[in-house]
Amino acid sequence: MLSVDPVVPGIAAIAPEFIAVRRKIHAHPELAFEERATGDLVASLLEQWGYEVTPGVGKTGVVGVLKHGGGTKRIGLRADMDALPIEEATGLPYTSAVPKTMHACGHDGHTAMLLCAARYLAESRQFSGTLTVIFQPAEESYGGARVMMEDGLFERFPCDAIFGLHNMPGFETGCMSFCTGPAMASADRATIVLRGLGGHGALPHLSRDPMPAVGAIILALQSIVAREVDSQKSAVISVGSVKAGDTFNVIPQTAEMKLSIRALDPAVRALLRERITTLIHAQGAAFGVEADIDYEWGYPVLFNHADPTAFSADVATKLLGAQRVDTNARPLMGSEDFAYMLQVVPGSYAWIGNGIEGKGSCMVHNPGYDFNDDILALGASYWVRLAEAYLAD
């Protein structure tokens, strides 16, 4: 565990209050675009501290603006608020009170970290310019960032730079990582339906069985990554679901497959769609079944801009020390809808370690995950120093 030395003293004094806030949010999680109680709590606190608050941005998002001094620069800091449809299995005293809903990705911690920083900045006022804190709904698969932008986020609350932060199990507690350029993958998906002719399992010659096509497609999909994508670039095609038939001796009429498709390069992303679509139709024809594919574009590649990334990494280095900051981190194949914001506003997205062993080490999207409260004050301190440095007089 890190010592308390890197923590801003004023943050250390109020951090216990925001650990309590975090646990309150954790116990009452809300799914995408249902973050009404969370949003109300955020809005109420920001108003108490003197922010100009606008609720309902992008349905359930909350934006707080605080102007101070004569500076003209404008910084945006973003946290996500939504939970996941997972049944919690932590057994913690503040475990989720909502069935099949839990904060399994740490958005409760992200919200509490930014609230903690927002309070400190409102009280200290050691900046000159415009601070915009963005509490976003629906990061998990529903594109809340895009919905906020469609609701005029950056037209109504202009930002010269935008920054995001996510906890990361498997990274040392409180250490920070930064990656310039492509930092997180695009996330597309495809639903494939193979239509044959069902029949008796003992008489396959009188049917058109979609299952051999399923098997061939699963194997052939991997050849796209292995033989058609530049070996210096990353891509993933995963078959997450296959559904067909109900019993032993009946050849199913149809089979459905669901794919997750990821890339770190927009050109590779386009190639995957082209080759997957062609392969599905060709394999279906080869096995005498009809093949339909519904290909959905999802989150784009998250691209960290060079100057904001260097700036934020320098802030972290001054806060934590060079030994606890990785300025050349490898990209992750996970995805983030913060990518939409970075398409229109320069900025950067960073990671803060949630823990390697024991506390904080359970991976996100797992029923046993919990945000590590030991990093809340550190994350809040990073936000404070980042805002103060960017909005220096």
Protein backbone atom coordinates (compact mmCIF):
# COMPACT_ATOMS: atom_id res chain seq x y z
CA MET A 1 0.00 0.00 0.00
CA LEU A 2 1.17 3.53 -0.74
CA SER A 3 2.04 5.85 2.11
CA VAL A 4 -0.25 8.81 2.67
CA ASP A 5 2.51 11.24 1.61
CA PRO A 6 1.26 11.68 -1.98
CA VAL A 7 -2.25 12.54 -0.79
CA VAL A 8 -3.13 16.23 -0.72
CA PRO A 9 -3.56 17.05 3.00
CA GLY A 10 -7.01 18.56 2.51
CA ILE A 11 -8.09 15.46 0.64
CA ALA A 12 -6.83 13.20 3.43
CA ALA A 13 -9.00 15.12 5.89
CA ILE A 14 -12.24 14.59 3.96
CA ALA A 15 -11.58 11.21 2.30
CA PRO A 16 -13.42 9.18 5.00
CA GLU A 17 -16.61 11.09 4.17
CA PHE A 18 -16.32 10.06 0.54
CA ILE A 19 -15.53 6.47 1.35
CA ALA A 20 -18.90 6.55 3.10
CA VAL A 21 -20.47 8.14 0.00
CA ARG A 22 -18.88 5.46 -2.16
CA ARG A 23 -20.28 2.68 -0.02
CA LYS A 24 -23.72 4.27 0.00
CA ILE A 25 -23.70 4.33 -3.80
CA HIS A 26 -22.37 0.77 -3.84
CA ALA A 27 -25.27 -0.43 -1.67
CA HIS A 28 -27.81 1.23 -3.97
CA PRO A 29 -26.57 0.60 -7.52
CA GLU A 30 -28.47 1.76 -10.58
CA LEU A 31 -28.22 0.45 -14.12
CA ALA A 32 -27.67 2.46 -17.30
CA PHE A 33 -29.95 5.52 -17.61
CA GLU A 34 -31.52 4.67 -14.25
CA GLU A 35 -28.96 6.59 -12.15
CA ARG A 36 -31.55 8.93 -10.68
CA ALA A 37 -30.75 8.56 -6.98
CA THR A 38 -27.02 8.63 -7.71
CA GLY A 39 -27.46 11.68 -9.91
CA ASP A 40 -29.59 13.43 -7.29
CA LEU A 41 -26.91 12.79 -4.67
CA VAL A 42 -24.18 14.14 -6.97
CA ALA A 43 -26.22 17.22 -7.89
CA SER A 44 -27.11 17.98 -4.26
CA LEU A 45 -23.50 17.84 -3.11
CA LEU A 46 -22.20 19.95 -6.00
CA GLU A 47 -24.84 22.60 -5.34
CA GLN A 48 -23.82 22.74 -1.67
CA TRP A 49 -20.24 23.47 -2.73
CA GLY A 50 -21.18 26.30 -5.09
CA TYR A 51 -21.17 24.62 -8.49
CA GLU A 52 -23.60 25.61 -11.20
CA VAL A 53 -25.35 22.27 -11.64
CA THR A 54 -27.24 20.93 -14.65
CA PRO A 55 -28.96 17.58 -14.15
CA GLY A 56 -30.54 15.44 -16.87
CA VAL A 57 -27.76 15.87 -19.43
CA GLY A 58 -27.93 12.77 -21.62
CA LYS A 59 -31.00 11.55 -19.68
CA THR A 60 -29.47 11.02 -16.22
CA GLY A 61 -26.06 12.68 -16.43
CA VAL A 62 -25.02 15.56 -14.16
CA VAL A 63 -22.66 18.42 -15.01
CA GLY A 64 -21.20 20.84 -12.50
CA VAL A 65 -19.36 24.04 -13.48
CA LEU A 66 -17.18 26.14 -11.20
CA LYS A 67 -15.52 29.31 -12.45
CA HIS A 68 -12.84 31.13 -10.52
CA GLY A 69 -10.40 33.91 -11.30
CA GLY A 70 -9.79 35.48 -14.68
CA GLY A 71 -8.33 32.46 -16.47
CA THR A 72 -9.82 31.51 -19.83
CA LYS A 73 -8.85 27.83 -19.95
CA ARG A 74 -11.54 25.18 -19.45
CA ILE A 75 -10.93 21.63 -18.19
CA GLY A 76 -13.36 18.72 -18.05
CA LEU A 77 -13.07 15.84 -15.57
CA ARG A 78 -15.34 12.84 -16.13
CA ALA A 79 -16.57 9.99 -13.92
CA ASP A 80 -19.11 7.27 -14.73
CA MET A 81 -22.02 6.33 -12.45
CA ASP A 82 -23.77 3.19 -13.71
CA ALA A 83 -23.73 -0.34 -12.30
CA LEU A 84 -23.88 -3.76 -13.98
CA PRO A 85 -26.61 -6.45 -14.12
CA ILE A 86 -24.65 -8.86 -11.89
CA GLU A 87 -25.64 -10.51 -8.61
CA GLU A 88 -23.11 -9.43 -5.98
CA ALA A 89 -21.23 -12.16 -4.09
CA THR A 90 -18.83 -10.15 -1.89
CA GLY A 91 -20.67 -10.48 1.43
CA LEU A 92 -19.55 -6.97 2.36
CA PRO A 93 -21.48 -4.93 4.95
CA TYR A 94 -22.40 -2.48 2.20
CA THR A 95 -23.23 -5.14 -0.38
CA SER A 96 -25.81 -4.30 -3.03
CA ALA A 97 -29.38 -4.10 -1.77
CA VAL A 98 -30.69 -4.41 -5.33
CA PRO A 99 -31.07 -7.93 -6.73
CA LYS A 100 -28.97 -8.75 -9.80
CA THR A 101 -27.40 -5.28 -9.80
CA MET A 102 -23.98 -4.31 -8.47
CA HIS A 103 -21.10 -1.90 -8.91
CA ALA A 104 -18.80 -4.52 -10.40
CA CYS A 105 -16.60 -2.06 -12.29
CA GLY A 106 -15.86 0.58 -9.67
CA HIS A 107 -18.02 3.38 -11.00
CA ASP A 108 -19.11 4.01 -7.41
CA GLY A 109 -15.46 4.70 -6.63
CA HIS A 110 -14.98 6.87 -9.71
CA THR A 111 -17.97 8.98 -8.72
CA ALA A 112 -16.77 9.33 -5.12
CA MET A 113 -13.20 10.22 -6.18
CA LEU A 114 -14.39 13.03 -8.42
CA LEU A 115 -16.83 14.29 -5.80
CA CYS A 116 -14.03 14.38 -3.24
CA ALA A 117 -11.84 16.39 -5.62
CA ALA A 118 -14.75 18.67 -6.54
CA ARG A 119 -15.34 19.58 -2.91
CA TYR A 120 -11.65 20.29 -2.25
CA LEU A 121 -11.33 22.45 -5.37
CA ALA A 122 -14.45 24.41 -4.45
CA GLU A 123 -13.04 25.13 -0.99
CA SER A 124 -9.43 25.81 -1.92
CA ARG A 125 -9.98 27.73 -5.19
CA GLN A 126 -6.33 27.31 -6.19
CA PHE A 127 -7.08 27.67 -9.88
CA SER A 128 -8.05 30.28 -12.43
CA GLY A 129 -10.44 29.30 -15.17
CA THR A 130 -13.42 26.97 -15.64
CA LEU A 131 -13.67 23.57 -14.00
CA THR A 132 -16.33 21.24 -15.41
CA VAL A 133 -17.06 17.97 -13.62
CA ILE A 134 -19.03 15.47 -15.71
CA PHE A 135 -20.86 12.58 -14.07
CA GLN A 136 -21.83 10.31 -16.91
CA PRO A 137 -24.55 7.66 -17.07
CA ALA A 138 -24.56 4.40 -18.98
CA GLU A 139 -20.93 3.69 -19.73
CA GLU A 140 -21.57 -0.06 -19.70
CA SER A 141 -22.56 -0.88 -23.30
CA TYR A 142 -25.11 1.91 -23.74
CA GLY A 143 -22.88 4.79 -24.83
CA GLY A 144 -23.84 7.36 -22.24
CA ALA A 145 -20.94 9.55 -23.34
CA ARG A 146 -22.36 9.71 -26.85
CA VAL A 147 -25.86 10.41 -25.49
CA MET A 148 -24.54 13.31 -23.38
CA MET A 149 -22.77 14.68 -26.45
CA GLU A 150 -25.94 14.37 -28.52
CA ASP A 151 -27.58 16.41 -25.77
CA GLY A 152 -25.07 19.20 -26.43
CA LEU A 153 -22.52 18.41 -23.71
CA PHE A 154 -19.57 20.25 -25.21
CA GLU A 155 -21.65 22.99 -26.83
CA ARG A 156 -23.28 23.79 -23.48
CA PHE A 157 -20.18 23.17 -21.37
CA PRO A 158 -17.13 23.79 -23.60
CA CYS A 159 -13.86 22.13 -22.59
CA ASP A 160 -10.40 22.73 -23.96
CA ALA A 161 -9.31 19.33 -22.66
CA ILE A 162 -11.10 16.34 -21.13
CA PHE A 163 -9.70 13.68 -18.79
CA GLY A 164 -10.92 10.31 -17.51
CA LEU A 165 -9.68 7.82 -14.90
CA HIS A 166 -10.46 4.14 -14.25
CA ASN A 167 -9.40 1.77 -11.49
CA MET A 168 -7.56 -1.35 -12.66
CA PRO A 169 -7.26 -4.63 -10.73
CA GLY A 170 -3.98 -6.35 -11.51
CA PHE A 171 -2.11 -3.04 -11.29
CA GLU A 172 -0.29 -2.18 -8.05
CA THR A 173 -2.44 -0.26 -5.59
CA GLY A 174 -2.41 3.45 -6.33
CA CYS A 175 0.13 3.34 -9.15
CA MET A 176 -0.92 5.08 -12.36
CA SER A 177 -0.52 4.16 -16.02
CA PHE A 178 -0.68 6.28 -19.16
CA CYS A 179 -0.72 5.25 -22.81
CA THR A 180 -0.34 7.67 -25.73
CA GLY A 181 -2.31 6.93 -28.90
CA PRO A 182 -4.62 3.90 -29.14
CA ALA A 183 -5.16 2.92 -25.50
CA MET A 184 -8.35 0.85 -25.52
CA ALA A 185 -9.98 -1.22 -28.23
CA SER A 186 -13.07 -0.70 -30.29
CA ALA A 187 -15.89 -3.05 -29.26
CA ASP A 188 -18.23 -4.28 -32.00
CA ARG A 189 -20.52 -7.25 -31.99
CA ALA A 190 -22.29 -9.50 -34.44
CA THR A 191 -25.29 -11.80 -34.20
CA ILE A 192 -25.28 -14.64 -36.72
CA VAL A 193 -28.31 -16.77 -37.51
CA LEU A 194 -27.85 -19.96 -39.54
CA ARG A 195 -31.09 -21.38 -40.98
CA GLY A 196 -31.21 -24.97 -42.16
CA LEU A 197 -33.86 -27.69 -42.17
CA GLY A 198 -34.50 -29.52 -38.93
CA GLY A 199 -35.11 -33.23 -38.69
CA HIS A 200 -34.44 -36.51 -36.91
CA GLY A 201 -30.93 -36.98 -35.58
CA ALA A 202 -30.82 -40.48 -37.10
CA LEU A 203 -31.59 -39.18 -40.60
CA PRO A 204 -29.24 -36.22 -41.17
CA HIS A 205 -29.31 -36.68 -44.94
CA LEU A 206 -32.95 -35.58 -44.91
CA SER A 207 -32.06 -32.34 -43.11
CA ARG A 208 -29.77 -29.36 -43.56
CA ASP A 209 -27.93 -29.27 -40.26
CA PRO A 210 -26.65 -25.79 -39.23
CA MET A 211 -24.30 -27.23 -36.61
CA PRO A 212 -21.41 -28.25 -38.90
CA ALA A 213 -21.47 -24.67 -40.17
CA VAL A 214 -21.26 -23.41 -36.58
CA GLY A 215 -18.17 -25.52 -35.94
CA ALA A 216 -16.51 -24.47 -39.17
CA ILE A 217 -17.25 -20.80 -38.53
CA ILE A 218 -15.78 -20.90 -35.02
CA LEU A 219 -12.51 -22.28 -36.36
CA ALA A 220 -12.44 -20.11 -39.49
CA LEU A 221 -12.98 -16.88 -37.55
CA GLN A 222 -9.64 -17.36 -35.82
CA SER A 223 -7.89 -17.59 -39.18
CA ILE A 224 -8.91 -13.98 -39.84
CA VAL A 225 -6.83 -12.75 -36.90
CA ALA A 226 -4.03 -15.25 -37.49
CA ARG A 227 -3.67 -14.81 -41.24
CA GLU A 228 -5.34 -11.59 -42.40
CA VAL A 229 -4.54 -9.04 -39.66
CA ASP A 230 -1.05 -7.54 -39.54
CA SER A 231 0.78 -9.54 -36.87
CA GLN A 232 2.09 -6.26 -35.42
CA LYS A 233 -1.47 -5.17 -34.66
CA SER A 234 -4.02 -6.45 -32.16
CA ALA A 235 -7.43 -7.93 -32.84
CA VAL A 236 -9.78 -10.27 -31.01
CA ILE A 237 -12.77 -12.25 -32.26
CA SER A 238 -14.55 -14.15 -29.49
CA VAL A 239 -17.60 -16.38 -29.84
CA GLY A 240 -19.49 -15.66 -26.66
CA SER A 241 -22.70 -17.57 -27.28
CA VAL A 242 -24.02 -20.44 -29.39
CA LYS A 243 -27.67 -21.42 -29.11
CA ALA A 244 -29.28 -24.27 -31.04
CA GLY A 245 -31.69 -27.10 -30.34
CA ASP A 246 -33.15 -28.49 -27.13
CA THR A 247 -32.54 -32.21 -27.05
CA PHE A 248 -30.35 -35.12 -28.20
CA ASN A 249 -31.96 -36.57 -31.30
CA VAL A 250 -33.36 -33.55 -33.10
CA ILE A 251 -31.35 -31.65 -35.69
CA PRO A 252 -32.10 -27.97 -35.02
CA GLN A 253 -33.70 -25.76 -37.62
CA THR A 254 -31.58 -22.75 -36.68
CA ALA A 255 -28.44 -21.87 -34.77
CA GLU A 256 -27.51 -18.46 -33.35
CA MET A 257 -24.01 -17.21 -32.61
CA LYS A 258 -22.94 -14.01 -30.86
CA LEU A 259 -19.50 -12.51 -31.46
CA SER A 260 -17.40 -9.88 -29.70
CA ILE A 261 -14.99 -8.13 -32.08
CA ARG A 262 -12.17 -5.82 -30.92
CA ALA A 263 -9.31 -3.89 -32.51
CA LEU A 264 -6.88 -1.09 -31.69
CA ASP A 265 -6.70 0.27 -35.24
CA PRO A 266 -9.67 1.69 -37.20
CA ALA A 267 -8.40 0.08 -40.42
CA VAL A 268 -8.19 -3.32 -38.72
CA ARG A 269 -11.66 -2.73 -37.30
CA ALA A 270 -13.04 -2.18 -40.82
CA LEU A 271 -11.16 -5.22 -42.14
CA LEU A 272 -12.67 -7.44 -39.45
CA ARG A 273 -16.19 -6.45 -40.41
CA GLU A 274 -15.55 -7.08 -44.10
CA ARG A 275 -13.88 -10.45 -43.61
CA ILE A 276 -16.29 -11.73 -40.94
CA THR A 277 -19.30 -10.87 -43.10
CA THR A 278 -17.79 -12.56 -46.16
CA LEU A 279 -16.76 -15.64 -44.17
CA ILE A 280 -20.18 -16.12 -42.60
CA HIS A 281 -21.99 -16.10 -45.92
CA ALA A 282 -19.39 -18.35 -47.58
CA GLN A 283 -19.45 -20.93 -44.78
CA GLY A 284 -23.23 -20.96 -44.75
CA ALA A 285 -23.29 -21.63 -48.50
CA ALA A 286 -20.63 -24.33 -48.14
CA PHE A 287 -22.83 -26.24 -45.69
CA GLY A 288 -26.12 -25.60 -47.49
CA VAL A 289 -27.67 -23.29 -44.90
CA GLU A 290 -28.75 -19.67 -45.05
CA ALA A 291 -26.59 -17.26 -43.06
CA ASP A 292 -27.66 -13.84 -41.84
CA ILE A 293 -25.44 -11.47 -39.89
CA ASP A 294 -26.41 -8.40 -37.88
CA TYR A 295 -23.18 -6.46 -37.39
CA GLU A 296 -23.29 -3.66 -34.82
CA TRP A 297 -20.67 -0.95 -34.57
CA GLY A 298 -19.95 -0.33 -30.90
CA TYR A 299 -17.49 1.89 -29.06
CA PRO A 300 -14.64 3.23 -31.21
CA VAL A 301 -10.93 2.94 -30.45
CA LEU A 302 -10.03 5.12 -27.47
CA PHE A 303 -7.24 7.41 -28.67
CA ASN A 304 -5.27 9.38 -26.10
CA HIS A 305 -3.90 12.66 -27.46
CA ALA A 306 -0.17 13.16 -27.06
CA ASP A 307 0.04 16.54 -25.30
CA PRO A 308 -2.77 15.97 -22.76
CA THR A 309 -1.38 12.51 -22.00
CA ALA A 310 2.13 13.87 -21.41
CA PHE A 311 0.67 16.66 -19.27
CA SER A 312 -1.44 14.35 -17.09
CA ALA A 313 1.41 11.83 -16.74
CA ASP A 314 3.69 14.62 -15.57
CA VAL A 315 1.10 15.66 -12.96
CA ALA A 316 0.90 12.05 -11.73
CA THR A 317 4.68 11.74 -11.63
CA LYS A 318 5.01 14.87 -9.51
CA LEU A 319 2.30 13.55 -7.20
CA LEU A 320 3.35 9.91 -6.84
CA GLY A 321 6.97 9.77 -7.94
CA ALA A 322 8.36 8.31 -11.15
CA GLN A 323 8.62 4.81 -9.68
CA ARG A 324 4.84 4.64 -9.35
CA VAL A 325 3.90 5.99 -12.78
CA ASP A 326 4.08 4.08 -16.05
CA THR A 327 4.16 6.61 -18.89
CA ASN A 328 4.44 3.95 -21.60
CA ALA A 329 1.70 1.50 -20.65
CA ARG A 330 0.47 -1.11 -23.11
CA PRO A 331 -3.01 -0.64 -24.60
CA LEU A 332 -5.88 -2.70 -23.18
CA MET A 333 -8.32 -4.70 -25.30
CA GLY A 334 -11.20 -3.58 -23.11
CA SER A 335 -13.33 -0.69 -24.35
CA GLU A 336 -14.63 2.61 -23.00
CA ASP A 337 -17.18 5.07 -24.32
CA PHE A 338 -14.93 7.92 -23.17
CA ALA A 339 -13.54 7.29 -26.66
CA TYR A 340 -16.45 9.31 -28.08
CA MET A 341 -15.45 12.36 -26.02
CA LEU A 342 -11.84 12.06 -27.15
CA GLN A 343 -13.00 12.13 -30.78
CA VAL A 344 -14.12 15.74 -30.38
CA VAL A 345 -12.08 17.16 -27.47
CA PRO A 346 -8.34 16.65 -26.86
CA GLY A 347 -7.68 14.67 -23.73
CA SER A 348 -6.49 11.50 -22.09
CA TYR A 349 -7.70 8.48 -20.17
CA ALA A 350 -5.56 6.96 -17.40
CA TRP A 351 -5.64 3.95 -15.06
CA ILE A 352 -5.03 3.75 -11.33
CA GLY A 353 -4.10 0.40 -9.78
CA ASN A 354 -6.78 -1.26 -7.65
CA GLY A 355 -4.45 -3.99 -6.33
CA ILE A 356 -2.49 -7.06 -7.40
CA GLU A 357 -3.10 -9.49 -4.54
CA GLY A 358 -5.83 -9.65 -1.94
CA LYS A 359 -7.79 -6.44 -1.51
CA GLY A 360 -8.71 -4.83 -4.81
CA SER A 361 -7.32 -7.63 -6.99
CA CYS A 362 -10.58 -9.23 -8.14
CA MET A 363 -11.15 -8.34 -11.79
CA VAL A 364 -13.95 -6.00 -12.82
CA HIS A 365 -17.26 -7.44 -14.06
CA ASN A 366 -16.93 -10.21 -11.47
CA PRO A 367 -19.48 -10.88 -8.66
CA GLY A 368 -16.62 -10.71 -6.14
CA TYR A 369 -15.20 -7.35 -7.26
CA ASP A 370 -15.01 -4.30 -4.97
CA PHE A 371 -13.42 -0.91 -5.48
CA ASN A 372 -10.37 -0.46 -3.24
CA ASP A 373 -11.09 2.43 -0.88
CA ASP A 374 -7.34 2.82 -0.28
CA ILE A 375 -7.02 4.51 -3.68
CA LEU A 376 -9.90 6.98 -3.31
CA ALA A 377 -7.81 9.75 -1.75
CA LEU A 378 -5.00 9.20 -4.26
CA GLY A 379 -7.37 9.40 -7.22
CA ALA A 380 -8.97 12.53 -5.80
CA SER A 381 -5.52 14.06 -5.23
CA TYR A 382 -4.63 13.36 -8.86
CA TRP A 383 -7.78 15.13 -10.01
CA VAL A 384 -6.98 18.11 -7.79
CA ARG A 385 -3.40 18.48 -8.97
CA LEU A 386 -4.44 17.97 -12.60
CA ALA A 387 -7.10 20.71 -12.43
CA GLU A 388 -4.80 23.09 -10.55
CA ALA A 389 -1.96 22.56 -13.03
CA TYR A 390 -4.14 22.92 -16.10
CA LEU A 391 -5.90 26.00 -14.73
CA ALA A 392 -2.79 27.62 -13.29
CA ASP A 393 -3.01 31.41 -13.27
